[in-house]
Amino acid sequence: MSNLRVCRELDVDQQECQELAVELLEKLVSKFGGKYQPDGANYRYKHTAGVNALVEPKAGELSVDVKLGMLASALAPQLEKEMNRVLDDHLKT
């Protein structure tokens, strides 16, 4: 089992951070499949290959904690790259 953590400090309010979280999740679903759902103020992303993630958008910060099962561990570099790309693209704007 593998774990990934991606965290970014952002100069945005709670609403903008929520929107960025949804954008990130939509891109992950589009690229890798799976689905996500709200969990209070956070989001949970799951993929049948053994990917479970908690996305926590807060004012000024977005963090993503991902747990990868044995089969999904091979996806770790691609998932981390995609999450970093989406967040870095947002920071450039």
Protein backbone atom coordinates (compact mmCIF):
# COMPACT_ATOMS: atom_id res chain seq x y z
CA MET A 1 0.00 0.00 0.00
CA SER A 2 1.18 3.51 -0.90
CA ASN A 3 0.18 6.96 0.27
CA LEU A 4 0.41 10.30 -1.50
CA ARG A 5 -0.12 13.74 -0.05
CA VAL A 6 -0.35 16.89 -2.13
CA CYS A 7 -0.94 20.19 -0.38
CA ARG A 8 -0.95 23.74 -1.72
CA GLU A 9 -1.33 27.06 0.00
CA LEU A 10 -3.60 29.19 -2.16
CA ASP A 11 -4.63 32.82 -2.04
CA VAL A 12 -8.34 31.99 -2.36
CA ASP A 13 -11.44 31.94 -0.17
CA GLN A 14 -13.40 28.82 0.80
CA GLN A 15 -15.71 28.96 -2.25
CA GLU A 16 -12.87 29.29 -4.76
CA CYS A 17 -11.01 26.45 -3.07
CA GLN A 18 -14.13 24.25 -3.31
CA GLU A 19 -14.35 25.05 -7.02
CA LEU A 20 -10.68 24.17 -7.51
CA ALA A 21 -11.21 20.88 -5.65
CA VAL A 22 -14.10 19.99 -7.98
CA GLU A 23 -11.99 20.94 -11.02
CA LEU A 24 -9.19 18.67 -9.79
CA LEU A 25 -11.62 15.81 -9.15
CA GLU A 26 -13.28 16.20 -12.55
CA LYS A 27 -9.89 15.98 -14.25
CA LEU A 28 -8.93 12.89 -12.25
CA VAL A 29 -12.23 11.21 -13.15
CA SER A 30 -11.76 12.17 -16.81
CA LYS A 31 -8.20 10.88 -16.97
CA PHE A 32 -8.32 7.85 -14.64
CA GLY A 33 -12.00 7.03 -14.10
CA GLY A 34 -13.55 6.48 -10.71
CA LYS A 35 -16.02 8.78 -9.01
CA TYR A 36 -16.20 11.35 -6.25
CA GLN A 37 -18.80 12.57 -3.82
CA PRO A 38 -19.11 15.30 -1.23
CA ASP A 39 -18.34 14.39 2.39
CA GLY A 40 -19.33 17.43 4.43
CA ALA A 41 -17.05 20.27 3.30
CA ASN A 42 -14.62 17.71 1.80
CA TYR A 43 -14.74 15.25 -1.08
CA ARG A 44 -14.00 11.55 -1.35
CA TYR A 45 -12.64 10.06 -4.57
CA LYS A 46 -12.69 6.31 -5.18
CA HIS A 47 -11.56 4.08 -7.98
CA THR A 48 -12.20 0.34 -8.16
CA ALA A 49 -8.48 -0.28 -8.69
CA GLY A 50 -7.90 0.57 -5.02
CA VAL A 51 -7.60 4.34 -4.97
CA ASN A 52 -9.20 6.21 -2.06
CA ALA A 53 -8.63 9.92 -1.64
CA LEU A 54 -9.79 12.64 0.69
CA VAL A 55 -9.76 16.16 -0.80
CA GLU A 56 -9.92 18.91 1.82
CA PRO A 57 -10.56 22.41 0.46
CA LYS A 58 -10.16 25.19 3.03
CA ALA A 59 -9.74 28.91 2.72
CA GLY A 60 -6.10 29.32 1.75
CA GLU A 61 -5.26 25.63 1.37
CA LEU A 62 -6.14 22.52 -0.61
CA SER A 63 -4.86 19.15 0.52
CA VAL A 64 -5.29 15.73 -1.04
CA ASP A 65 -4.52 12.51 0.84
CA VAL A 66 -4.50 9.41 -1.35
CA LYS A 67 -4.29 5.78 -0.27
CA LEU A 68 -3.37 3.36 -3.02
CA GLY A 69 -3.91 -0.37 -2.82
CA MET A 70 -1.39 -2.88 -4.13
CA LEU A 71 -2.68 -2.81 -7.72
CA ALA A 72 -3.07 0.97 -7.81
CA SER A 73 0.44 1.68 -6.52
CA ALA A 74 1.67 1.65 -10.12
CA LEU A 75 -0.55 4.71 -10.74
CA ALA A 76 1.10 6.76 -7.99
CA PRO A 77 3.49 8.73 -10.24
CA GLN A 78 0.75 9.54 -12.77
CA LEU A 79 -1.77 10.57 -10.10
CA GLU A 80 0.73 12.76 -8.31
CA LYS A 81 1.82 14.37 -11.58
CA GLU A 82 -1.78 15.15 -12.60
CA MET A 83 -2.69 16.59 -9.18
CA ASN A 84 0.41 18.79 -9.16
CA ARG A 85 -0.21 19.92 -12.74
CA VAL A 86 -3.79 21.02 -12.05
CA LEU A 87 -2.83 22.87 -8.88
CA ASP A 88 0.26 24.47 -10.41
CA ASP A 89 -1.79 25.60 -13.43
CA HIS A 90 -4.18 27.32 -11.04
CA LEU A 91 -1.34 29.08 -9.22
CA LYS A 92 -0.04 30.51 -12.51
CA THR A 93 -3.33 32.31 -13.21
